[in-house]
Protein backbone atom coordinates (compact mmCIF):
# COMPACT_ATOMS: atom_id res chain seq x y z
CA MET A 1 -0.04 0.18 -0.05
CA ASN A 2 3.38 2.49 0.28
CA GLU A 3 3.12 2.11 -3.76
CA ILE A 4 -0.25 4.40 -3.54
CA ALA A 5 1.17 6.84 -1.21
CA ASP A 6 3.87 7.10 -3.40
CA ASN A 7 1.75 7.35 -6.68
CA LEU A 8 -0.66 10.06 -4.70
CA GLY A 9 2.48 12.28 -4.15
CA ILE A 10 4.01 11.63 -8.09
CA VAL A 11 -0.13 12.80 -9.01
CA LEU A 12 0.07 15.84 -6.76
CA GLN A 13 3.46 17.29 -8.38
CA ARG A 14 2.32 16.82 -11.59
CA LEU A 15 -1.36 18.66 -10.36
CA GLN A 16 0.83 21.52 -8.93
CA SER A 17 3.55 21.92 -12.05
CA ALA A 18 0.32 22.20 -14.51
CA CYS A 19 -0.82 24.24 -12.34
CA VAL A 20 2.02 26.99 -12.46
CA ARG A 21 2.66 26.28 -16.31
CA ALA A 22 -1.52 27.62 -16.44
CA GLY A 23 -0.61 30.62 -13.71
CA ARG A 24 -2.60 29.15 -11.72
CA ALA A 25 -2.99 28.95 -7.55
CA ALA A 26 -2.09 25.03 -6.95
CA ASP A 27 -5.62 25.14 -4.46
CA SER A 28 -7.65 26.05 -7.57
CA VAL A 29 -7.70 21.99 -8.59
CA GLN A 30 -8.78 19.64 -6.70
CA LEU A 31 -7.81 15.89 -7.11
CA ILE A 32 -10.36 12.92 -7.04
CA ALA A 33 -8.69 9.21 -6.55
CA VAL A 34 -11.19 7.33 -8.35
CA SER A 35 -11.28 4.35 -6.47
CA LYS A 36 -13.83 2.00 -8.47
CA THR A 37 -12.77 -1.35 -8.48
CA PHE A 38 -10.05 -1.20 -5.67
CA PRO A 39 -10.76 -2.43 -2.07
CA ALA A 40 -11.58 -0.07 0.89
CA ALA A 41 -7.84 -0.92 2.27
CA ALA A 42 -6.63 1.21 -0.98
CA VAL A 43 -9.07 3.90 -0.26
CA GLN A 44 -7.66 3.89 3.59
CA ALA A 45 -4.00 3.67 2.02
CA ALA A 46 -4.84 7.26 0.42
CA THR A 47 -6.51 8.71 2.84
CA THR A 48 -3.14 8.10 5.16
CA ALA A 49 -1.66 9.82 2.56
CA GLY A 50 -3.99 12.75 2.79
CA GLN A 51 -6.24 12.20 0.36
CA HIS A 52 -9.48 12.71 0.98
CA ARG A 53 -11.72 12.70 -1.91
CA PHE A 54 -12.91 9.61 -4.14
CA GLY A 55 -14.74 8.75 -6.96
CA GLU A 56 -16.17 5.49 -7.47
CA ASN A 57 -18.70 4.51 -10.30
CA TYR A 58 -20.35 1.37 -9.19
CA LEU A 59 -23.06 1.81 -6.15
CA GLN A 60 -23.19 -1.46 -4.30
CA GLU A 61 -19.66 -1.33 -4.33
CA ALA A 62 -18.88 1.81 -3.16
CA LEU A 63 -21.34 1.41 -0.37
CA VAL A 64 -19.22 -1.41 1.06
CA LYS A 65 -16.46 1.33 1.05
CA ILE A 66 -18.24 3.67 2.58
CA GLU A 67 -19.65 1.56 5.28
CA ALA A 68 -16.47 0.07 5.92
CA LEU A 69 -14.48 3.23 6.21
CA ASP A 70 -17.32 5.36 8.35
CA ASP A 71 -15.31 8.63 8.21
CA PRO A 72 -17.15 11.66 8.12
CA ALA A 73 -14.00 13.58 6.43
CA LEU A 74 -14.28 11.48 3.56
CA GLU A 75 -15.85 13.39 0.22
CA TRP A 76 -17.65 10.42 -2.07
CA HIS A 77 -18.45 11.62 -6.06
CA PHE A 78 -20.19 9.42 -7.54
CA ILE A 79 -19.15 9.19 -11.40
CA GLY A 80 -21.15 8.21 -14.59
CA PRO A 81 -24.77 6.94 -15.74
CA ILE A 82 -27.66 6.57 -12.83
CA GLN A 83 -30.21 4.09 -13.16
CA SER A 84 -33.35 5.07 -11.90
CA ASN A 85 -33.39 2.42 -8.68
CA LYS A 86 -29.94 3.63 -7.46
CA THR A 87 -31.29 7.75 -7.11
CA ARG A 88 -32.48 6.90 -3.52
CA GLU A 89 -29.08 5.30 -2.50
CA ILE A 90 -26.55 7.95 -4.43
CA ALA A 91 -28.51 10.97 -2.74
CA SER A 92 -28.35 9.97 0.39
CA HIS A 93 -24.54 8.51 0.59
CA PHE A 94 -22.59 10.87 -1.88
CA SER A 95 -22.07 14.73 -1.38
CA TRP A 96 -21.24 15.05 -5.27
CA VAL A 97 -22.46 13.09 -8.40
CA HIS A 98 -20.94 13.74 -11.68
CA GLY A 99 -22.82 12.82 -15.16
CA VAL A 100 -26.43 13.59 -14.87
CA GLU A 101 -27.82 14.27 -17.98
CA ARG A 102 -31.77 13.45 -17.95
CA LEU A 103 -33.87 15.53 -15.99
CA ARG A 104 -36.17 12.51 -14.64
CA ILE A 105 -32.98 11.11 -12.58
CA ILE A 106 -31.99 14.75 -11.21
CA GLU A 107 -35.69 15.02 -10.42
CA ARG A 108 -35.62 11.76 -8.51
CA LEU A 109 -31.96 12.99 -6.83
CA SER A 110 -34.00 16.48 -5.85
CA ALA A 111 -36.46 14.18 -4.17
CA GLN A 112 -34.78 11.65 -2.06
CA ARG A 113 -32.02 14.18 -1.11
CA PRO A 114 -32.04 13.89 3.02
CA GLN A 115 -33.22 16.77 4.62
CA ASP A 116 -30.68 16.57 7.34
CA LEU A 117 -27.89 16.47 4.77
CA PRO A 118 -26.47 19.65 2.76
CA ALA A 119 -27.69 20.27 -1.12
CA LEU A 120 -26.44 17.37 -3.55
CA ASN A 121 -23.55 19.08 -5.37
CA VAL A 122 -24.52 18.22 -8.94
CA CYS A 123 -22.15 18.55 -12.50
CA VAL A 124 -23.96 17.58 -15.72
CA GLN A 125 -22.26 16.11 -18.16
CA VAL A 126 -21.76 16.33 -21.42
CA ASN A 127 -21.00 14.93 -24.58
CA VAL A 128 -18.63 17.06 -26.15
CA SER A 129 -16.78 14.25 -28.29
CA GLY A 130 -20.61 13.60 -29.64
CA GLU A 131 -19.70 9.90 -29.11
CA ALA A 132 -22.77 7.75 -29.58
CA SER A 133 -21.61 5.17 -27.19
CA LYS A 134 -20.43 7.67 -24.49
CA SER A 135 -23.62 9.10 -21.93
CA GLY A 136 -23.58 13.25 -21.38
CA CYS A 137 -26.37 15.37 -23.57
CA ALA A 138 -25.52 16.89 -26.36
CA LEU A 139 -23.99 20.54 -25.81
CA GLU A 140 -26.64 22.30 -27.21
CA GLN A 141 -29.00 20.89 -24.60
CA ALA A 142 -26.87 21.86 -21.72
CA PRO A 143 -27.97 25.41 -21.09
CA GLU A 144 -31.90 23.98 -20.89
CA LEU A 145 -30.66 21.01 -18.41
CA CYS A 146 -28.33 23.57 -16.31
CA ALA A 147 -31.63 26.40 -15.95
CA ALA A 148 -33.58 23.70 -15.03
CA ILE A 149 -31.41 22.15 -12.09
CA ALA A 150 -30.78 25.16 -10.76
CA ALA A 151 -34.31 25.87 -10.04
CA LEU A 152 -34.64 22.33 -8.02
CA PRO A 153 -34.44 22.17 -4.64
CA ARG A 154 -31.70 19.83 -2.65
CA LEU A 155 -29.63 19.86 -5.42
CA ARG A 156 -26.43 22.32 -5.51
CA LEU A 157 -25.86 22.87 -9.32
CA ARG A 158 -21.76 22.92 -9.68
CA GLY A 159 -20.81 23.00 -13.40
CA LEU A 160 -20.06 20.54 -16.37
CA MET A 161 -18.26 17.65 -16.60
CA ALA A 162 -16.93 15.86 -19.67
CA ILE A 163 -14.86 12.61 -20.83
CA PRO A 164 -14.02 13.33 -23.97
CA GLU A 165 -13.09 10.38 -26.70
CA ALA A 166 -9.79 8.12 -25.30
CA VAL A 167 -6.78 9.51 -27.21
CA GLU A 168 -3.15 8.10 -27.45
CA ASP A 169 -1.78 12.05 -26.89
CA ALA A 170 -3.04 13.69 -24.19
CA GLU A 171 -2.63 16.96 -26.33
CA ALA A 172 -5.47 15.58 -29.13
CA ALA A 173 -8.24 16.00 -26.08
CA ARG A 174 -7.11 19.73 -25.73
CA PRO A 175 -10.00 21.45 -28.14
CA ALA A 176 -12.60 18.68 -26.39
CA PHE A 177 -11.70 20.52 -22.62
CA ARG A 178 -11.72 23.76 -24.35
CA GLN A 179 -15.13 23.40 -25.55
CA LEU A 180 -16.64 22.44 -22.43
CA ARG A 181 -14.89 25.78 -20.96
CA THR A 182 -16.46 27.46 -23.73
CA LEU A 183 -19.93 25.92 -23.07
CA PHE A 184 -19.60 26.67 -19.23
CA GLU A 185 -18.14 30.24 -19.55
CA ARG A 186 -21.60 30.76 -21.77
CA ILE A 187 -23.89 28.96 -19.61
CA ARG A 188 -22.46 30.95 -16.43
CA ALA A 189 -22.72 34.58 -17.79
CA GLY A 190 -26.50 33.60 -19.09
CA GLY A 191 -28.00 34.00 -16.32
CA ALA A 192 -29.93 30.63 -15.52
CA VAL A 193 -27.66 29.67 -13.14
CA LYS A 194 -25.72 30.85 -10.00
CA PRO A 195 -22.33 31.93 -10.57
CA ALA A 196 -21.62 31.85 -7.25
CA ASP A 197 -21.97 28.09 -7.04
CA PHE A 198 -21.60 27.67 -10.91
CA ASP A 199 -17.48 26.85 -10.76
CA THR A 200 -16.85 23.84 -11.73
CA LEU A 201 -15.45 22.24 -14.78
CA SER A 202 -15.21 18.51 -13.57
CA MET A 203 -12.56 17.15 -16.54
CA GLY A 204 -8.94 14.92 -17.08
CA MET A 205 -7.85 11.54 -16.38
CA SER A 206 -4.53 9.55 -15.71
CA GLY A 207 -3.94 10.27 -19.29
CA ASP A 208 -4.92 13.60 -20.00
CA PHE A 209 -5.55 15.52 -16.77
CA GLU A 210 -2.20 18.19 -17.07
CA VAL A 211 -3.79 19.40 -20.11
CA ALA A 212 -7.04 19.40 -18.69
CA ILE A 213 -6.03 21.85 -16.00
CA GLU A 214 -4.51 23.73 -18.41
CA GLU A 215 -7.68 24.37 -20.17
CA GLY A 216 -9.74 25.14 -17.18
CA ALA A 217 -10.52 21.82 -15.20
CA THR A 218 -11.14 22.33 -11.39
CA LEU A 219 -11.52 19.01 -10.81
CA VAL A 220 -9.60 16.02 -12.09
CA ARG A 221 -10.73 12.44 -11.42
CA VAL A 222 -7.66 10.13 -11.32
CA GLY A 223 -7.31 6.57 -11.01
CA SER A 224 -4.79 4.25 -12.50
CA ALA A 225 -2.07 6.50 -11.64
CA ILE A 226 -2.41 6.52 -8.24
CA PHE A 227 -4.00 2.85 -7.66
CA GLY A 228 -2.09 0.94 -10.25
CA ARG A 229 -4.16 -0.99 -13.19
CA ARG A 230 -7.07 -1.78 -13.17
CA SER A 231 -7.94 -5.99 -13.24
CA SER A 232 -11.57 -5.05 -14.38
């Protein structure tokens, strides 16, 4: 598990260097350690090394880890498509949801967020690459969806999220990141969202997060560079 701490340190150094290149403060970008498929022990190792934001894609697996670690200092982010029968558990156990794209699901999250918890932070997923197999709303649909979310109770619309088409060269992802940032700025200036809340660009993963930071990312989602290669 010492390898996880070492990897985390390297990723944080890369993050800070990318911020320097972009002329940004290091604390303007937050790291989500994507721990899907890795056990609670791996999350604990990262926690011991100072990481407290974690991303999960699979609900049942995530609930096991959340219960096992039982640490209110940890911030859990649900990433990826959401089925309607999973909304209650997600609304009850996560601080953030990345990847909302359907109003029906969003309305369920709003209705099912417990009253004793803070508003659920949400990011709208945008299909910036236009891939038929990729989740996310179309670019032209994002402003209307954001306006609808901003009007719902128990939710705090934070910004946009994207997973661009996989590329071997991180530089090839730059146009997609730039396109998402442009859309983000347009929605933020449009008047339908609260500018003070709408502050998040969730983009960039292990292979391209430095380019994403240079293009304005405020949250980067890094898994394999911290925990190693996944077995599934």
